[in-house]
C-alpha atoms as a PDB file:
ATOM      1  CA  MET A   1       0.000   0.000   0.000  1.00  0.00           C
ATOM      2  CA  ARG A   2       2.832   2.418   0.885  1.00  0.00           C
ATOM      3  CA  LYS A   3       4.524   1.733  -2.453  1.00  0.00           C
ATOM      4  CA  VAL A   4       1.326   2.576  -4.328  1.00  0.00           C
ATOM      5  CA  PHE A   5       0.974   5.764  -2.272  1.00  0.00           C
ATOM      6  CA  GLN A   6       4.511   6.885  -3.160  1.00  0.00           C
ATOM      7  CA  GLU A   7       3.875   6.135  -6.813  1.00  0.00           C
ATOM      8  CA  GLU A   8       0.767   8.315  -6.695  1.00  0.00           C
ATOM      9  CA  LEU A   9       2.745  11.162  -5.136  1.00  0.00           C
ATOM     10  CA  ALA A  10       5.399  10.791  -7.825  1.00  0.00           C
ATOM     11  CA  GLN A  11       2.706  11.035 -10.504  1.00  0.00           C
ATOM     12  CA  VAL A  12       1.465  14.302  -8.990  1.00  0.00           C
ATOM     13  CA  ARG A  13       4.990  15.727  -9.104  1.00  0.00           C
ATOM     14  CA  GLU A  14       5.414  14.566 -12.696  1.00  0.00           C
ATOM     15  CA  GLN A  15       2.160  16.229 -13.702  1.00  0.00           C
ATOM     16  CA  LEU A  16       3.313  19.523 -12.221  1.00  0.00           C
ATOM     17  CA  VAL A  17       6.451  19.324 -14.344  1.00  0.00           C
ATOM     18  CA  GLU A  18       4.349  18.466 -17.409  1.00  0.00           C
ATOM     19  CA  ILE A  19       2.054  21.449 -16.868  1.00  0.00           C
ATOM     20  CA  SER A  20       5.026  23.746 -16.307  1.00  0.00           C
ATOM     21  CA  THR A  21       6.595  22.500 -19.543  1.00  0.00           C
ATOM     22  CA  LEU A  22       3.403  23.359 -21.439  1.00  0.00           C
ATOM     23  CA  VAL A  23       3.308  26.787 -19.801  1.00  0.00           C
ATOM     24  CA  THR A  24       6.879  27.383 -20.956  1.00  0.00           C
ATOM     25  CA  GLU A  25       5.898  26.482 -24.513  1.00  0.00           C
ATOM     26  CA  ALA A  26       2.862  28.761 -24.245  1.00  0.00           C
ATOM     27  CA  ILE A  27       4.757  31.843 -23.103  1.00  0.00           C
ATOM     28  CA  ASP A  28       7.495  31.231 -25.680  1.00  0.00           C
ATOM     29  CA  LYS A  29       4.981  31.068 -28.540  1.00  0.00           C
ATOM     30  CA  ALA A  30       2.788  33.834 -27.125  1.00  0.00           C
ATOM     31  CA  THR A  31       5.627  36.324 -26.834  1.00  0.00           C
ATOM     32  CA  THR A  32       6.845  35.466 -30.330  1.00  0.00           C
ATOM     33  CA  ALA A  33       3.323  36.028 -31.667  1.00  0.00           C
ATOM     34  CA  PHE A  34       3.025  39.207 -29.617  1.00  0.00           C
ATOM     35  CA  GLU A  35       6.284  40.693 -30.892  1.00  0.00           C
ATOM     36  CA  GLY A  36       5.882  39.615 -34.517  1.00  0.00           C
ATOM     37  CA  ALA A  37       2.105  39.904 -34.987  1.00  0.00           C
ATOM     38  CA  ASP A  38       2.044  36.194 -35.888  1.00  0.00           C
ATOM     39  CA  ILE A  39      -1.631  35.273 -36.065  1.00  0.00           C
ATOM     40  CA  ASP A  40      -1.058  31.542 -36.643  1.00  0.00           C
ATOM     41  CA  LEU A  41       1.199  31.232 -33.612  1.00  0.00           C
ATOM     42  CA  ALA A  42      -1.284  33.227 -31.532  1.00  0.00           C
ATOM     43  CA  GLU A  43      -4.060  30.817 -32.506  1.00  0.00           C
ATOM     44  CA  ASP A  44      -1.848  27.874 -31.505  1.00  0.00           C
ATOM     45  CA  VAL A  45      -1.380  29.312 -28.018  1.00  0.00           C
ATOM     46  CA  ILE A  46      -5.073  30.011 -27.580  1.00  0.00           C
ATOM     47  CA  ALA A  47      -6.051  26.490 -28.649  1.00  0.00           C
ATOM     48  CA  ALA A  48      -3.332  24.789 -26.580  1.00  0.00           C
ATOM     49  CA  ASP A  49      -4.492  26.419 -23.346  1.00  0.00           C
ATOM     50  CA  ALA A  50      -7.267  23.823 -23.093  1.00  0.00           C
ATOM     51  CA  ARG A  51      -4.603  21.143 -22.563  1.00  0.00           C
ATOM     52  CA  ILE A  52      -3.159  23.038 -19.598  1.00  0.00           C
ATOM     53  CA  ASP A  53      -6.639  23.414 -18.109  1.00  0.00           C
ATOM     54  CA  PHE A  54      -7.321  19.698 -18.566  1.00  0.00           C
ATOM     55  CA  LEU A  55      -4.064  18.674 -16.890  1.00  0.00           C
ATOM     56  CA  GLN A  56      -4.675  21.026 -13.984  1.00  0.00           C
ATOM     57  CA  ASN A  57      -8.114  19.516 -13.389  1.00  0.00           C
ATOM     58  CA  SER A  58      -6.669  16.021 -13.677  1.00  0.00           C
ATOM     59  CA  LEU A  59      -3.914  16.783 -11.174  1.00  0.00           C
ATOM     60  CA  ASP A  60      -6.333  18.364  -8.727  1.00  0.00           C
ATOM     61  CA  GLU A  61      -8.679  15.386  -8.901  1.00  0.00           C
ATOM     62  CA  ARG A  62      -5.781  13.001  -8.334  1.00  0.00           C
ATOM     63  CA  ALA A  63      -4.495  14.992  -5.359  1.00  0.00           C
ATOM     64  CA  ILE A  64      -7.950  15.207  -3.778  1.00  0.00           C
ATOM     65  CA  ASP A  65      -8.436  11.449  -4.196  1.00  0.00           C
ATOM     66  CA  ILE A  66      -5.121  10.799  -2.460  1.00  0.00           C
ATOM     67  CA  LEU A  67      -6.067  13.149   0.369  1.00  0.00           C
ATOM     68  CA  ALA A  68      -9.404  11.403   0.815  1.00  0.00           C
ATOM     69  CA  LEU A  69      -8.252   7.811   0.495  1.00  0.00           C
ATOM     70  CA  GLN A  70      -4.714   7.793   1.898  1.00  0.00           C
ATOM     71  CA  GLY A  71      -4.921  10.277   4.793  1.00  0.00           C
ATOM     72  CA  PRO A  72      -1.358  11.599   4.321  1.00  0.00           C
ATOM     73  CA  VAL A  73       0.390  13.465   7.113  1.00  0.00           C
ATOM     74  CA  ALA A  74       3.394  15.760   7.594  1.00  0.00           C
ATOM     75  CA  SER A  75       5.525  16.311   4.478  1.00  0.00           C
ATOM     76  CA  ASP A  76       3.276  14.266   2.200  1.00  0.00           C
ATOM     77  CA  LEU A  77       0.280  16.335   3.237  1.00  0.00           C
ATOM     78  CA  ARG A  78       2.208  19.555   2.586  1.00  0.00           C
ATOM     79  CA  MET A  79       3.218  18.254  -0.801  1.00  0.00           C
ATOM     80  CA  LEU A  80      -0.356  17.461  -1.859  1.00  0.00           C
ATOM     81  CA  VAL A  81      -1.853  20.704  -0.593  1.00  0.00           C
ATOM     82  CA  GLY A  82       1.029  22.617  -2.135  1.00  0.00           C
ATOM     83  CA  SER A  83       0.494  20.825  -5.441  1.00  0.00           C
ATOM     84  CA  LEU A  84      -3.131  21.933  -5.519  1.00  0.00           C
ATOM     85  CA  ARG A  85      -2.077  25.530  -5.074  1.00  0.00           C
ATOM     86  CA  MET A  86       0.833  25.298  -7.500  1.00  0.00           C
ATOM     87  CA  SER A  87      -1.351  23.803 -10.217  1.00  0.00           C
ATOM     88  CA  ALA A  88      -3.692  26.775  -9.879  1.00  0.00           C
ATOM     89  CA  SER A  89      -0.790  29.205 -10.352  1.00  0.00           C
ATOM     90  CA  LEU A  90       0.518  27.275 -13.342  1.00  0.00           C
ATOM     91  CA  GLU A  91      -2.926  27.238 -14.915  1.00  0.00           C
ATOM     92  CA  ARG A  92      -3.153  30.992 -14.440  1.00  0.00           C
ATOM     93  CA  MET A  93       0.253  31.431 -16.092  1.00  0.00           C
ATOM     94  CA  GLY A  94      -1.144  29.562 -19.078  1.00  0.00           C
ATOM     95  CA  ASP A  95      -4.125  31.909 -19.112  1.00  0.00           C
ATOM     96  CA  LEU A  96      -1.843  34.940 -19.106  1.00  0.00           C
ATOM     97  CA  ALA A  97       0.139  33.576 -22.049  1.00  0.00           C
ATOM     98  CA  ARG A  98      -3.209  33.103 -23.802  1.00  0.00           C
ATOM     99  CA  HIS A  99      -4.174  36.715 -23.019  1.00  0.00           C
ATOM    100  CA  LEU A 100      -0.984  37.930 -24.733  1.00  0.00           C
ATOM    101  CA  ALA A 101      -1.787  35.786 -27.758  1.00  0.00           C
ATOM    102  CA  GLN A 102      -5.331  37.153 -27.817  1.00  0.00           C
ATOM    103  CA  LEU A 103      -3.981  40.710 -27.826  1.00  0.00           C
ATOM    104  CA  ALA A 104      -1.758  39.828 -30.764  1.00  0.00           C
ATOM    105  CA  ARG A 105      -4.748  38.346 -32.592  1.00  0.00           C
ATOM    106  CA  LEU A 106      -6.941  41.343 -31.775  1.00  0.00           C
ATOM    107  CA  ARG A 107      -4.522  43.879 -33.296  1.00  0.00           C
ATOM    108  CA  TYR A 108      -3.340  41.772 -36.228  1.00  0.00           C
ATOM    109  CA  PRO A 109      -1.839  42.707 -38.676  1.00  0.00           C
ATOM    110  CA  ALA A 110      -0.614  45.655 -36.593  1.00  0.00           C
ATOM    111  CA  SER A 111       1.734  45.235 -33.649  1.00  0.00           C
ATOM    112  CA  VAL A 112       0.344  45.729 -30.153  1.00  0.00           C
ATOM    113  CA  VAL A 113       3.369  47.686 -28.938  1.00  0.00           C
ATOM    114  CA  PRO A 114       4.549  51.044 -30.350  1.00  0.00           C
ATOM    115  CA  ASP A 115       8.150  51.301 -31.524  1.00  0.00           C
ATOM    116  CA  GLN A 116       9.303  53.242 -28.476  1.00  0.00           C
ATOM    117  CA  LEU A 117       8.454  50.310 -26.166  1.00  0.00           C
ATOM    118  CA  ARG A 118       9.563  47.400 -28.335  1.00  0.00           C
ATOM    119  CA  GLU A 119      12.809  46.828 -26.450  1.00  0.00           C
ATOM    120  CA  THR A 120      10.993  46.993 -23.127  1.00  0.00           C
ATOM    121  CA  PHE A 121       8.544  44.294 -24.151  1.00  0.00           C
ATOM    122  CA  LYS A 122      11.328  42.208 -25.674  1.00  0.00           C
ATOM    123  CA  SER A 123      12.947  42.249 -22.235  1.00  0.00           C
ATOM    124  CA  PHE A 124       9.610  41.341 -20.641  1.00  0.00           C
ATOM    125  CA  ALA A 125       9.408  38.311 -22.933  1.00  0.00           C
ATOM    126  CA  GLU A 126      12.955  37.215 -22.143  1.00  0.00           C
ATOM    127  CA  GLN A 127      12.443  37.429 -18.378  1.00  0.00           C
ATOM    128  CA  ASP A 128       9.071  35.671 -18.375  1.00  0.00           C
ATOM    129  CA  LEU A 129      10.409  32.860 -20.555  1.00  0.00           C
ATOM    130  CA  LEU A 130      13.383  32.524 -18.210  1.00  0.00           C
ATOM    131  CA  ILE A 131      11.045  32.303 -15.217  1.00  0.00           C
ATOM    132  CA  ALA A 132       8.980  29.587 -16.912  1.00  0.00           C
ATOM    133  CA  GLN A 133      12.069  27.580 -17.840  1.00  0.00           C
ATOM    134  CA  LYS A 134      13.531  27.896 -14.357  1.00  0.00           C
ATOM    135  CA  LEU A 135      10.194  26.933 -12.819  1.00  0.00           C
ATOM    136  CA  THR A 136      10.136  23.659 -14.732  1.00  0.00           C
ATOM    137  CA  GLU A 137      13.693  23.003 -13.578  1.00  0.00           C
ATOM    138  CA  LEU A 138      12.784  23.853  -9.988  1.00  0.00           C
ATOM    139  CA  LEU A 139       9.777  21.530  -9.946  1.00  0.00           C
ATOM    140  CA  ALA A 140      11.908  18.697 -11.315  1.00  0.00           C
ATOM    141  CA  THR A 141      14.955  19.210  -9.083  1.00  0.00           C
ATOM    142  CA  ARG A 142      13.825  21.266  -6.062  1.00  0.00           C
ATOM    143  CA  ASP A 143      17.145  23.095  -6.271  1.00  0.00           C
ATOM    144  CA  LEU A 144      16.661  26.292  -4.277  1.00  0.00           C
ATOM    145  CA  ALA A 145      19.386  28.064  -6.228  1.00  0.00           C
ATOM    146  CA  VAL A 146      16.927  27.965  -9.127  1.00  0.00           C
ATOM    147  CA  ALA A 147      14.292  29.595  -6.910  1.00  0.00           C
ATOM    148  CA  ARG A 148      16.683  32.489  -6.358  1.00  0.00           C
ATOM    149  CA  ASP A 149      17.094  32.867 -10.127  1.00  0.00           C
ATOM    150  CA  ILE A 150      13.306  33.158 -10.424  1.00  0.00           C
ATOM    151  CA  MET A 151      13.209  35.886  -7.791  1.00  0.00           C
ATOM    152  CA  LYS A 152      15.944  37.816  -9.596  1.00  0.00           C
ATOM    153  CA  ALA A 153      14.075  37.626 -12.898  1.00  0.00           C
ATOM    154  CA  ASN A 154      10.866  38.723 -11.186  1.00  0.00           C
ATOM    155  CA  SER A 155      12.615  41.795  -9.834  1.00  0.00           C
ATOM    156  CA  ALA A 156      13.621  42.707 -13.384  1.00  0.00           C
ATOM    157  CA  VAL A 157      10.010  42.227 -14.546  1.00  0.00           C
ATOM    158  CA  ASN A 158       8.758  44.531 -11.788  1.00  0.00           C
ATOM    159  CA  ASP A 159      11.185  47.220 -12.934  1.00  0.00           C
ATOM    160  CA  LEU A 160      10.000  46.846 -16.527  1.00  0.00           C
ATOM    161  CA  HIS A 161       6.364  47.040 -15.450  1.00  0.00           C
ATOM    162  CA  LEU A 162       7.036  50.271 -13.578  1.00  0.00           C
ATOM    163  CA  SER A 163       8.874  51.738 -16.566  1.00  0.00           C
ATOM    164  CA  VAL A 164       5.875  51.097 -18.837  1.00  0.00           C
ATOM    165  CA  PHE A 165       3.505  52.975 -16.556  1.00  0.00           C
ATOM    166  CA  LYS A 166       5.959  55.834 -16.281  1.00  0.00           C
ATOM    167  CA  ALA A 167       6.166  55.966 -20.075  1.00  0.00           C
ATOM    168  CA  ILE A 168       2.423  56.140 -20.681  1.00  0.00           C
ATOM    169  CA  ALA A 169       2.042  58.757 -17.938  1.00  0.00           C
ATOM    170  CA  ARG A 170       4.563  61.165 -19.487  1.00  0.00           C
ATOM    171  CA  SER A 171       3.340  64.355 -21.105  1.00  0.00           C
ATOM    172  CA  ASP A 172       4.997  63.415 -24.408  1.00  0.00           C
ATOM    173  CA  TRP A 173       3.077  60.128 -24.757  1.00  0.00           C
ATOM    174  CA  GLN A 174       1.173  60.545 -28.029  1.00  0.00           C
ATOM    175  CA  GLU A 175      -0.293  57.092 -28.653  1.00  0.00           C
ATOM    176  CA  SER A 176      -4.026  56.463 -29.072  1.00  0.00           C
ATOM    177  CA  PRO A 177      -6.254  55.465 -26.146  1.00  0.00           C
ATOM    178  CA  ALA A 178      -6.556  51.937 -27.603  1.00  0.00           C
ATOM    179  CA  THR A 179      -2.780  51.524 -27.787  1.00  0.00           C
ATOM    180  CA  THR A 180      -2.393  52.910 -24.281  1.00  0.00           C
ATOM    181  CA  VAL A 181      -4.863  50.379 -22.911  1.00  0.00           C
ATOM    182  CA  ASP A 182      -3.202  47.542 -24.861  1.00  0.00           C
ATOM    183  CA  VAL A 183       0.236  48.466 -23.531  1.00  0.00           C
ATOM    184  CA  ALA A 184      -1.004  48.720 -19.947  1.00  0.00           C
ATOM    185  CA  LEU A 185      -2.799  45.366 -20.183  1.00  0.00           C
ATOM    186  CA  ALA A 186       0.166  43.623 -21.788  1.00  0.00           C
ATOM    187  CA  SER A 187       2.526  44.957 -19.143  1.00  0.00           C
ATOM    188  CA  ARG A 188       0.173  43.678 -16.467  1.00  0.00           C
ATOM    189  CA  TYR A 189      -0.023  40.239 -18.085  1.00  0.00           C
ATOM    190  CA  PHE A 190       3.761  39.933 -18.164  1.00  0.00           C
ATOM    191  CA  GLU A 191       4.030  41.131 -14.562  1.00  0.00           C
ATOM    192  CA  ARG A 192       1.351  38.760 -13.265  1.00  0.00           C
ATOM    193  CA  PHE A 193       2.905  35.824 -15.135  1.00  0.00           C
ATOM    194  CA  ALA A 194       6.129  36.436 -13.222  1.00  0.00           C
ATOM    195  CA  ASP A 195       4.272  36.831  -9.924  1.00  0.00           C
ATOM    196  CA  HIS A 196       2.615  33.441 -10.314  1.00  0.00           C
ATOM    197  CA  GLY A 197       6.013  31.946 -11.068  1.00  0.00           C
ATOM    198  CA  VAL A 198       7.306  33.383  -7.807  1.00  0.00           C
ATOM    199  CA  SER A 199       4.280  31.965  -5.977  1.00  0.00           C
ATOM    200  CA  VAL A 200       5.120  28.467  -7.205  1.00  0.00           C
ATOM    201  CA  ALA A 201       8.796  28.939  -6.306  1.00  0.00           C
ATOM    202  CA  GLN A 202       7.806  29.967  -2.780  1.00  0.00           C
ATOM    203  CA  LYS A 203       5.732  26.831  -2.342  1.00  0.00           C
ATOM    204  CA  VAL A 204       8.526  24.585  -3.595  1.00  0.00           C
ATOM    205  CA  THR A 205      10.851  26.301  -1.139  1.00  0.00           C
ATOM    206  CA  TYR A 206       8.372  25.579   1.642  1.00  0.00           C
ATOM    207  CA  LEU A 207       8.234  21.906   0.661  1.00  0.00           C
ATOM    208  CA  VAL A 208      12.019  21.687   0.757  1.00  0.00           C
ATOM    209  CA  THR A 209      12.632  23.635   3.971  1.00  0.00           C
ATOM    210  CA  GLY A 210       9.382  23.118   5.883  1.00  0.00           C
ATOM    211  CA  ALA A 211       9.401  26.824   6.743  1.00  0.00           C
ATOM    212  CA  TRP A 212       6.927  29.279   5.214  1.00  0.00           C
ATOM    213  CA  GLN A 213       8.847  32.497   4.516  1.00  0.00           C
ATOM    214  CA  PRO A 214       7.297  33.893   1.348  1.00  0.00           C
ATOM    215  CA  ASN A 215       9.520  36.943   1.131  1.00  0.00           C
ATOM    216  CA  SER A 216      12.866  35.365   1.836  1.00  0.00           C
ATOM    217  CA  ILE A 217      13.688  33.043  -1.071  1.00  0.00           C
ATOM    218  CA  GLU A 218      16.479  35.361  -2.122  1.00  0.00           C
ATOM    219  CA  HIS A 219      18.166  34.834   1.264  1.00  0.00           C
ATOM    220  CA  ILE A 220      18.044  31.016   1.247  1.00  0.00           C
END
């Protein structure tokens, strides 16, 4: 019975890695579509989000069944409850990648971002993709050095997000109201994607250390 239980826990961990891998693919394709006004790639991201949703539901059902039937305690209980919360964050990251793809589709064949902010959003894309890649690595290895890399990338995303709002608030900002809204929304999507990545990293850190210190990953 114990062997079966451990196999079930391993399957939950593997599903988290699988979902994170799909999220990484989603943000990679979404940012490429976003930057290049690639309608076909945008449609791929939008359609593929259903797979992430399905896997999240499947993982949650599996975890709830284990909780109900196996009565886990201590670290195993933390792992299952943490997995439920991490799957929700990963699913939301997939949604945010889809939102970026939907923006690209909405403004096609034009680009969402004006020329003056192209480099900023290119940096956004690079940092969010890095966070997604590191998150998959973290879920597979539980190496807390990777969690610190995620926190560092998130700090860069926060700086970029602030710079966008400063740009659209300047007196010399001449873009249309529609472009202004698009830019603000896109910046928010990138920022929230990174925040959810940090949330998952915090929970992995908790599983490894047994101590809940959500603001101290960078010091571990």
